[in-house]
Amino acid sequence: MKNKESRNGSIIGGLILLGLGILFLLNNWDILDFEESWPLILVIIGIGLIIKASKKSKQDKNQF
């Protein structure tokens, strides 16, 4: 079980770095104004964390 959690952490870390890289690239190309849109990015990250936590709690309930 520990190996699966470590792998999930690596995937999440990679996705975060990929997402940040895309945001900075879009900012450099003047497609996205990062200075004005960072609150939206925080909201999206928060929603993702809530969804992940709810899925995990459902899985934990199904195991018992």
C-alpha atoms as a PDB file:
ATOM      1  CA  MET A   1       0.000   0.000   0.000  1.00  0.00           C
ATOM      2  CA  LYS A   2       2.879   2.356   0.777  1.00  0.00           C
ATOM      3  CA  ASN A   3       4.296   1.951  -2.746  1.00  0.00           C
ATOM      4  CA  LYS A   4       0.965   2.991  -4.308  1.00  0.00           C
ATOM      5  CA  GLU A   5       0.827   6.136  -2.142  1.00  0.00           C
ATOM      6  CA  SER A   6       4.396   7.032  -3.134  1.00  0.00           C
ATOM      7  CA  ARG A   7       3.567   6.575  -6.804  1.00  0.00           C
ATOM      8  CA  ASN A   8       0.467   8.763  -6.454  1.00  0.00           C
ATOM      9  CA  GLY A   9       2.578  11.463  -4.812  1.00  0.00           C
ATOM     10  CA  SER A  10       5.038  11.375  -7.688  1.00  0.00           C
ATOM     11  CA  ILE A  11       2.238  11.659 -10.236  1.00  0.00           C
ATOM     12  CA  ILE A  12       0.634  14.567  -8.380  1.00  0.00           C
ATOM     13  CA  GLY A  13       3.965  16.345  -8.042  1.00  0.00           C
ATOM     14  CA  GLY A  14       4.627  15.927 -11.739  1.00  0.00           C
ATOM     15  CA  LEU A  15       1.185  17.209 -12.639  1.00  0.00           C
ATOM     16  CA  ILE A  16       1.656  20.266 -10.433  1.00  0.00           C
ATOM     17  CA  LEU A  17       4.977  21.076 -12.085  1.00  0.00           C
ATOM     18  CA  LEU A  18       3.477  20.522 -15.530  1.00  0.00           C
ATOM     19  CA  GLY A  19       0.536  22.787 -14.705  1.00  0.00           C
ATOM     20  CA  LEU A  20       2.785  25.547 -13.377  1.00  0.00           C
ATOM     21  CA  GLY A  21       4.980  25.294 -16.450  1.00  0.00           C
ATOM     22  CA  ILE A  22       1.970  25.637 -18.742  1.00  0.00           C
ATOM     23  CA  LEU A  23       0.711  28.641 -16.769  1.00  0.00           C
ATOM     24  CA  PHE A  24       4.048  30.427 -17.004  1.00  0.00           C
ATOM     25  CA  LEU A  25       4.321  29.598 -20.711  1.00  0.00           C
ATOM     26  CA  LEU A  26       0.845  31.010 -21.380  1.00  0.00           C
ATOM     27  CA  ASN A  27       1.794  34.095 -19.372  1.00  0.00           C
ATOM     28  CA  ASN A  28       4.942  34.597 -21.487  1.00  0.00           C
ATOM     29  CA  TRP A  29       2.901  34.284 -24.679  1.00  0.00           C
ATOM     30  CA  ASP A  30       0.397  36.877 -23.351  1.00  0.00           C
ATOM     31  CA  ILE A  31      -2.427  34.344 -23.611  1.00  0.00           C
ATOM     32  CA  LEU A  32      -3.051  34.337 -19.875  1.00  0.00           C
ATOM     33  CA  ASP A  33      -2.424  37.220 -17.500  1.00  0.00           C
ATOM     34  CA  PHE A  34      -1.086  35.342 -14.470  1.00  0.00           C
ATOM     35  CA  GLU A  35      -1.144  38.439 -12.251  1.00  0.00           C
ATOM     36  CA  GLU A  36      -4.931  38.709 -12.510  1.00  0.00           C
ATOM     37  CA  SER A  37      -5.865  35.028 -12.720  1.00  0.00           C
ATOM     38  CA  TRP A  38      -3.988  33.530  -9.750  1.00  0.00           C
ATOM     39  CA  PRO A  39      -7.077  33.522  -7.476  1.00  0.00           C
ATOM     40  CA  LEU A  40      -8.901  31.399 -10.052  1.00  0.00           C
ATOM     41  CA  ILE A  41      -5.983  28.997 -10.107  1.00  0.00           C
ATOM     42  CA  LEU A  42      -6.152  28.651  -6.319  1.00  0.00           C
ATOM     43  CA  VAL A  43      -9.886  27.935  -6.521  1.00  0.00           C
ATOM     44  CA  ILE A  44      -9.316  25.220  -9.138  1.00  0.00           C
ATOM     45  CA  ILE A  45      -6.602  23.615  -7.005  1.00  0.00           C
ATOM     46  CA  GLY A  46      -8.907  23.717  -3.971  1.00  0.00           C
ATOM     47  CA  ILE A  47     -11.751  22.072  -5.884  1.00  0.00           C
ATOM     48  CA  GLY A  48      -9.372  19.365  -7.057  1.00  0.00           C
ATOM     49  CA  LEU A  49      -8.234  18.676  -3.489  1.00  0.00           C
ATOM     50  CA  ILE A  50     -11.829  18.476  -2.260  1.00  0.00           C
ATOM     51  CA  ILE A  51     -12.766  16.033  -5.026  1.00  0.00           C
ATOM     52  CA  LYS A  52      -9.713  13.902  -4.275  1.00  0.00           C
ATOM     53  CA  ALA A  53     -10.513  13.818  -0.549  1.00  0.00           C
ATOM     54  CA  SER A  54     -14.138  12.861  -1.179  1.00  0.00           C
ATOM     55  CA  LYS A  55     -13.120  10.020  -3.506  1.00  0.00           C
ATOM     56  CA  LYS A  56     -10.651   8.737  -0.926  1.00  0.00           C
ATOM     57  CA  SER A  57     -13.253   8.798   1.857  1.00  0.00           C
ATOM     58  CA  LYS A  58     -15.696   6.872  -0.352  1.00  0.00           C
ATOM     59  CA  GLN A  59     -13.041   4.250  -1.050  1.00  0.00           C
ATOM     60  CA  ASP A  60     -12.244   3.954   2.668  1.00  0.00           C
ATOM     61  CA  LYS A  61     -15.945   3.424   3.470  1.00  0.00           C
ATOM     62  CA  ASN A  62     -16.264   0.741   0.776  1.00  0.00           C
ATOM     63  CA  GLN A  63     -13.365  -1.253   2.221  1.00  0.00           C
ATOM     64  CA  PHE A  64     -15.158  -1.865   5.528  1.00  0.00           C
END
